[in-house]
Amino acid sequence: ALLALAHTGHGGGMAIFLSWTIGNVV
């Protein structure tokens, strides 16, 4: 999720945070 967000233009700190949430959801 981190790599996907980074390469789709999401460069803020909350994008990193979002990857944690995605990991738990899955």
PDB file of all heavy atoms in Angstrom:
ATOM      1  N   ALA A   1       0.830  -1.205   0.000  1.00  0.00           N
ATOM      2  CA  ALA A   1       0.000   0.000   0.000  1.00  0.00           C
ATOM      3  C   ALA A   1       0.864   1.254   0.000  1.00  0.00           C
ATOM      4  O   ALA A   1       0.541   2.243  -0.672  1.00  0.00           O
ATOM      5  CB  ALA A   1      -0.921  -0.003   1.214  1.00  0.00           C
ATOM      6  N   LEU A   2       1.963   1.226   0.764  1.00  0.00           N
ATOM      7  CA  LEU A   2       2.869   2.378   0.813  1.00  0.00           C
ATOM      8  C   LEU A   2       3.427   2.696  -0.571  1.00  0.00           C
ATOM      9  O   LEU A   2       3.423   3.866  -1.005  1.00  0.00           O
ATOM     10  CB  LEU A   2       4.011   2.089   1.787  1.00  0.00           C
ATOM     11  CG  LEU A   2       5.047   3.203   1.961  1.00  0.00           C
ATOM     12  CD1 LEU A   2       4.459   4.330   2.795  1.00  0.00           C
ATOM     13  CD2 LEU A   2       6.317   2.659   2.617  1.00  0.00           C
ATOM     14  N   LEU A   3       3.890   1.676  -1.270  1.00  0.00           N
ATOM     15  CA  LEU A   3       4.454   1.887  -2.604  1.00  0.00           C
ATOM     16  C   LEU A   3       3.382   2.356  -3.582  1.00  0.00           C
ATOM     17  O   LEU A   3       3.630   3.231  -4.419  1.00  0.00           O
ATOM     18  CB  LEU A   3       5.099   0.594  -3.108  1.00  0.00           C
ATOM     19  CG  LEU A   3       6.367   0.149  -2.356  1.00  0.00           C
ATOM     20  CD1 LEU A   3       6.822  -1.221  -2.846  1.00  0.00           C
ATOM     21  CD2 LEU A   3       7.468   1.181  -2.528  1.00  0.00           C
ATOM     22  N   ALA A   4       2.184   1.766  -3.467  1.00  0.00           N
ATOM     23  CA  ALA A   4       1.096   2.164  -4.362  1.00  0.00           C
ATOM     24  C   ALA A   4       0.724   3.628  -4.151  1.00  0.00           C
ATOM     25  O   ALA A   4       0.533   4.391  -5.115  1.00  0.00           O
ATOM     26  CB  ALA A   4      -0.117   1.265  -4.150  1.00  0.00           C
ATOM     27  N   LEU A   5       0.636   4.051  -2.913  1.00  0.00           N
ATOM     28  CA  LEU A   5       0.287   5.440  -2.617  1.00  0.00           C
ATOM     29  C   LEU A   5       1.392   6.390  -3.068  1.00  0.00           C
ATOM     30  O   LEU A   5       1.112   7.471  -3.612  1.00  0.00           O
ATOM     31  CB  LEU A   5       0.034   5.597  -1.113  1.00  0.00           C
ATOM     32  CG  LEU A   5      -1.240   4.932  -0.579  1.00  0.00           C
ATOM     33  CD1 LEU A   5      -1.221   4.867   0.946  1.00  0.00           C
ATOM     34  CD2 LEU A   5      -2.476   5.697  -1.063  1.00  0.00           C
ATOM     35  N   ALA A   6       2.639   5.985  -2.845  1.00  0.00           N
ATOM     36  CA  ALA A   6       3.757   6.848  -3.231  1.00  0.00           C
ATOM     37  C   ALA A   6       3.817   7.054  -4.736  1.00  0.00           C
ATOM     38  O   ALA A   6       4.160   8.150  -5.212  1.00  0.00           O
ATOM     39  CB  ALA A   6       5.073   6.251  -2.731  1.00  0.00           C
ATOM     40  N   HIS A   7       3.468   6.034  -5.502  1.00  0.00           N
ATOM     41  CA  HIS A   7       3.579   6.118  -6.962  1.00  0.00           C
ATOM     42  C   HIS A   7       2.288   6.558  -7.639  1.00  0.00           C
ATOM     43  O   HIS A   7       2.188   6.544  -8.864  1.00  0.00           O
ATOM     44  CB  HIS A   7       4.031   4.768  -7.529  1.00  0.00           C
ATOM     45  CG  HIS A   7       5.466   4.450  -7.215  1.00  0.00           C
ATOM     46  ND1 HIS A   7       5.855   3.760  -6.078  1.00  0.00           N
ATOM     47  CD2 HIS A   7       6.610   4.759  -7.879  1.00  0.00           C
ATOM     48  CE1 HIS A   7       7.164   3.638  -6.067  1.00  0.00           C
ATOM     49  NE2 HIS A   7       7.656   4.235  -7.143  1.00  0.00           N
ATOM     50  N   THR A   8       1.300   6.941  -6.835  1.00  0.00           N
ATOM     51  CA  THR A   8       0.079   7.506  -7.410  1.00  0.00           C
ATOM     52  C   THR A   8      -0.116   8.952  -6.976  1.00  0.00           C
ATOM     53  O   THR A   8      -1.228   9.464  -6.993  1.00  0.00           O
ATOM     54  CB  THR A   8      -1.156   6.662  -7.006  1.00  0.00           C
ATOM     55  OG1 THR A   8      -1.196   6.515  -5.577  1.00  0.00           O
ATOM     56  CG2 THR A   8      -1.108   5.290  -7.668  1.00  0.00           C
ATOM     57  N   GLY A   9       0.978   9.566  -6.539  1.00  0.00           N
ATOM     58  CA  GLY A   9       0.949  10.993  -6.244  1.00  0.00           C
ATOM     59  C   GLY A   9       0.554  11.372  -4.845  1.00  0.00           C
ATOM     60  O   GLY A   9       0.360  12.553  -4.559  1.00  0.00           O
ATOM     61  N   HIS A  10       0.436  10.411  -3.944  1.00  0.00           N
ATOM     62  CA  HIS A  10       0.076  10.706  -2.554  1.00  0.00           C
ATOM     63  C   HIS A  10       1.365  10.780  -1.725  1.00  0.00           C
ATOM     64  O   HIS A  10       1.895   9.771  -1.299  1.00  0.00           O
ATOM     65  CB  HIS A  10      -0.861   9.635  -1.990  1.00  0.00           C
ATOM     66  CG  HIS A  10      -2.145   9.505  -2.744  1.00  0.00           C
ATOM     67  ND1 HIS A  10      -2.272   8.745  -3.898  1.00  0.00           N
ATOM     68  CD2 HIS A  10      -3.361  10.059  -2.526  1.00  0.00           C
ATOM     69  CE1 HIS A  10      -3.506   8.816  -4.332  1.00  0.00           C
ATOM     70  NE2 HIS A  10      -4.201   9.612  -3.529  1.00  0.00           N
ATOM     71  N   GLY A  11       1.836  12.003  -1.514  1.00  0.00           N
ATOM     72  CA  GLY A  11       3.147  12.164  -0.911  1.00  0.00           C
ATOM     73  C   GLY A  11       3.150  12.679   0.508  1.00  0.00           C
ATOM     74  O   GLY A  11       4.225  12.920   1.066  1.00  0.00           O
ATOM     75  N   GLY A  12       2.009  12.867   1.135  1.00  0.00           N
ATOM     76  CA  GLY A  12       1.964  13.425   2.485  1.00  0.00           C
ATOM     77  C   GLY A  12       2.117  12.373   3.571  1.00  0.00           C
ATOM     78  O   GLY A  12       2.072  11.165   3.314  1.00  0.00           O
ATOM     79  N   GLY A  13       2.279  12.857   4.797  1.00  0.00           N
ATOM     80  CA  GLY A  13       2.437  11.949   5.921  1.00  0.00           C
ATOM     81  C   GLY A  13       1.215  11.096   6.177  1.00  0.00           C
ATOM     82  O   GLY A  13       1.332   9.939   6.614  1.00  0.00           O
ATOM     83  N   MET A  14       0.027  11.614   5.895  1.00  0.00           N
ATOM     84  CA  MET A  14      -1.176  10.834   6.121  1.00  0.00           C
ATOM     85  C   MET A  14      -1.335   9.704   5.113  1.00  0.00           C
ATOM     86  O   MET A  14      -2.097   8.761   5.342  1.00  0.00           O
ATOM     87  CB  MET A  14      -2.406  11.735   6.128  1.00  0.00           C
ATOM     88  CG  MET A  14      -2.460  12.684   7.315  1.00  0.00           C
ATOM     89  SD  MET A  14      -2.249  11.857   8.922  1.00  0.00           S
ATOM     90  CE  MET A  14      -3.783  10.935   9.034  1.00  0.00           C
ATOM     91  N   ALA A  15      -0.621   9.795   3.995  1.00  0.00           N
ATOM     92  CA  ALA A  15      -0.607   8.664   3.060  1.00  0.00           C
ATOM     93  C   ALA A  15       0.139   7.490   3.684  1.00  0.00           C
ATOM     94  O   ALA A  15      -0.266   6.327   3.539  1.00  0.00           O
ATOM     95  CB  ALA A  15       0.048   9.079   1.749  1.00  0.00           C
ATOM     96  N   ILE A  16       1.226   7.783   4.391  1.00  0.00           N
ATOM     97  CA  ILE A  16       1.945   6.726   5.109  1.00  0.00           C
ATOM     98  C   ILE A  16       1.034   6.121   6.174  1.00  0.00           C
ATOM     99  O   ILE A  16       0.953   4.901   6.326  1.00  0.00           O
ATOM    100  CB  ILE A  16       3.230   7.285   5.749  1.00  0.00           C
ATOM    101  CG1 ILE A  16       4.137   7.908   4.679  1.00  0.00           C
ATOM    102  CG2 ILE A  16       3.968   6.199   6.515  1.00  0.00           C
ATOM    103  CD1 ILE A  16       5.388   8.566   5.246  1.00  0.00           C
ATOM    104  N   PHE A  17       0.340   6.979   6.899  1.00  0.00           N
ATOM    105  CA  PHE A  17      -0.588   6.511   7.925  1.00  0.00           C
ATOM    106  C   PHE A  17      -1.670   5.626   7.313  1.00  0.00           C
ATOM    107  O   PHE A  17      -2.044   4.597   7.887  1.00  0.00           O
ATOM    108  CB  PHE A  17      -1.221   7.708   8.632  1.00  0.00           C
ATOM    109  CG  PHE A  17      -2.218   7.346   9.693  1.00  0.00           C
ATOM    110  CD1 PHE A  17      -1.809   7.131  11.002  1.00  0.00           C
ATOM    111  CD2 PHE A  17      -3.566   7.218   9.392  1.00  0.00           C
ATOM    112  CE1 PHE A  17      -2.727   6.798  11.988  1.00  0.00           C
ATOM    113  CE2 PHE A  17      -4.489   6.878  10.364  1.00  0.00           C
ATOM    114  CZ  PHE A  17      -4.065   6.668  11.669  1.00  0.00           C
ATOM    115  N   LEU A  18      -2.183   6.024   6.159  1.00  0.00           N
ATOM    116  CA  LEU A  18      -3.250   5.262   5.506  1.00  0.00           C
ATOM    117  C   LEU A  18      -2.808   3.839   5.194  1.00  0.00           C
ATOM    118  O   LEU A  18      -3.614   2.900   5.263  1.00  0.00           O
ATOM    119  CB  LEU A  18      -3.690   5.975   4.226  1.00  0.00           C
ATOM    120  CG  LEU A  18      -4.786   5.294   3.394  1.00  0.00           C
ATOM    121  CD1 LEU A  18      -6.056   5.118   4.221  1.00  0.00           C
ATOM    122  CD2 LEU A  18      -5.064   6.098   2.129  1.00  0.00           C
ATOM    123  N   SER A  19      -1.539   3.660   4.851  1.00  0.00           N
ATOM    124  CA  SER A  19      -1.064   2.315   4.531  1.00  0.00           C
ATOM    125  C   SER A  19      -1.176   1.392   5.746  1.00  0.00           C
ATOM    126  O   SER A  19      -1.407   0.186   5.603  1.00  0.00           O
ATOM    127  CB  SER A  19       0.380   2.370   4.017  1.00  0.00           C
ATOM    128  OG  SER A  19       1.276   2.780   5.028  1.00  0.00           O
ATOM    129  N   TRP A  20      -1.016   1.930   6.946  1.00  0.00           N
ATOM    130  CA  TRP A  20      -1.202   1.124   8.157  1.00  0.00           C
ATOM    131  C   TRP A  20      -2.650   0.644   8.258  1.00  0.00           C
ATOM    132  O   TRP A  20      -2.904  -0.521   8.551  1.00  0.00           O
ATOM    133  CB  TRP A  20      -0.872   1.956   9.404  1.00  0.00           C
ATOM    134  CG  TRP A  20       0.582   2.120   9.662  1.00  0.00           C
ATOM    135  CD1 TRP A  20       1.470   2.838   8.923  1.00  0.00           C
ATOM    136  CD2 TRP A  20       1.341   1.547  10.735  1.00  0.00           C
ATOM    137  NE1 TRP A  20       2.722   2.764   9.466  1.00  0.00           N
ATOM    138  CE2 TRP A  20       2.675   1.983  10.576  1.00  0.00           C
ATOM    139  CE3 TRP A  20       1.018   0.739  11.814  1.00  0.00           C
ATOM    140  CZ2 TRP A  20       3.684   1.613  11.466  1.00  0.00           C
ATOM    141  CZ3 TRP A  20       2.018   0.377  12.702  1.00  0.00           C
ATOM    142  CH2 TRP A  20       3.330   0.809  12.516  1.00  0.00           C
ATOM    143  N   THR A  21      -3.580   1.544   8.008  1.00  0.00           N
ATOM    144  CA  THR A  21      -4.993   1.187   8.088  1.00  0.00           C
ATOM    145  C   THR A  21      -5.348   0.137   7.051  1.00  0.00           C
ATOM    146  O   THR A  21      -6.078  -0.821   7.346  1.00  0.00           O
ATOM    147  CB  THR A  21      -5.859   2.444   7.882  1.00  0.00           C
ATOM    148  OG1 THR A  21      -5.486   3.429   8.855  1.00  0.00           O
ATOM    149  CG2 THR A  21      -7.335   2.117   8.023  1.00  0.00           C
ATOM    150  N   ILE A  22      -4.830   0.302   5.852  1.00  0.00           N
ATOM    151  CA  ILE A  22      -5.104  -0.679   4.794  1.00  0.00           C
ATOM    152  C   ILE A  22      -4.589  -2.055   5.195  1.00  0.00           C
ATOM    153  O   ILE A  22      -5.258  -3.077   4.985  1.00  0.00           O
ATOM    154  CB  ILE A  22      -4.473  -0.214   3.466  1.00  0.00           C
ATOM    155  CG1 ILE A  22      -5.172   1.053   2.964  1.00  0.00           C
ATOM    156  CG2 ILE A  22      -4.547  -1.324   2.419  1.00  0.00           C
ATOM    157  CD1 ILE A  22      -4.517   1.676   1.750  1.00  0.00           C
ATOM    158  N   GLY A  23      -3.398  -2.106   5.797  1.00  0.00           N
ATOM    159  CA  GLY A  23      -2.842  -3.386   6.231  1.00  0.00           C
ATOM    160  C   GLY A  23      -3.741  -4.084   7.237  1.00  0.00           C
ATOM    161  O   GLY A  23      -3.999  -5.289   7.135  1.00  0.00           O
ATOM    162  N   ASN A  24      -4.246  -3.341   8.208  1.00  0.00           N
ATOM    163  CA  ASN A  24      -5.138  -3.937   9.208  1.00  0.00           C
ATOM    164  C   ASN A  24      -6.468  -4.375   8.602  1.00  0.00           C
ATOM    165  O   ASN A  24      -7.002  -5.432   8.946  1.00  0.00           O
ATOM    166  CB  ASN A  24      -5.387  -2.944  10.345  1.00  0.00           C
ATOM    167  CG  ASN A  24      -4.253  -2.904  11.347  1.00  0.00           C
ATOM    168  OD1 ASN A  24      -3.530  -3.870  11.533  1.00  0.00           O
ATOM    169  ND2 ASN A  24      -4.072  -1.759  11.981  1.00  0.00           N
ATOM    170  N   VAL A  25      -7.002  -3.562   7.699  1.00  0.00           N
ATOM    171  CA  VAL A  25      -8.281  -3.901   7.066  1.00  0.00           C
ATOM    172  C   VAL A  25      -8.180  -5.220   6.316  1.00  0.00           C
ATOM    173  O   VAL A  25      -9.068  -6.084   6.400  1.00  0.00           O
ATOM    174  CB  VAL A  25      -8.725  -2.770   6.110  1.00  0.00           C
ATOM    175  CG1 VAL A  25      -9.858  -3.237   5.212  1.00  0.00           C
ATOM    176  CG2 VAL A  25      -9.157  -1.547   6.908  1.00  0.00           C
ATOM    177  N   VAL A  26      -7.088  -5.395   5.565  1.00  0.00           N
ATOM    178  CA  VAL A  26      -6.929  -6.611   4.760  1.00  0.00           C
ATOM    179  C   VAL A  26      -6.649  -7.825   5.638  1.00  0.00           C
ATOM    180  O   VAL A  26      -7.112  -8.933   5.341  1.00  0.00           O
ATOM    181  CB  VAL A  26      -5.798  -6.412   3.728  1.00  0.00           C
ATOM    182  CG1 VAL A  26      -5.493  -7.723   2.991  1.00  0.00           C
ATOM    183  CG2 VAL A  26      -6.181  -5.325   2.728  1.00  0.00           C
TER     184      VAL A  26
END
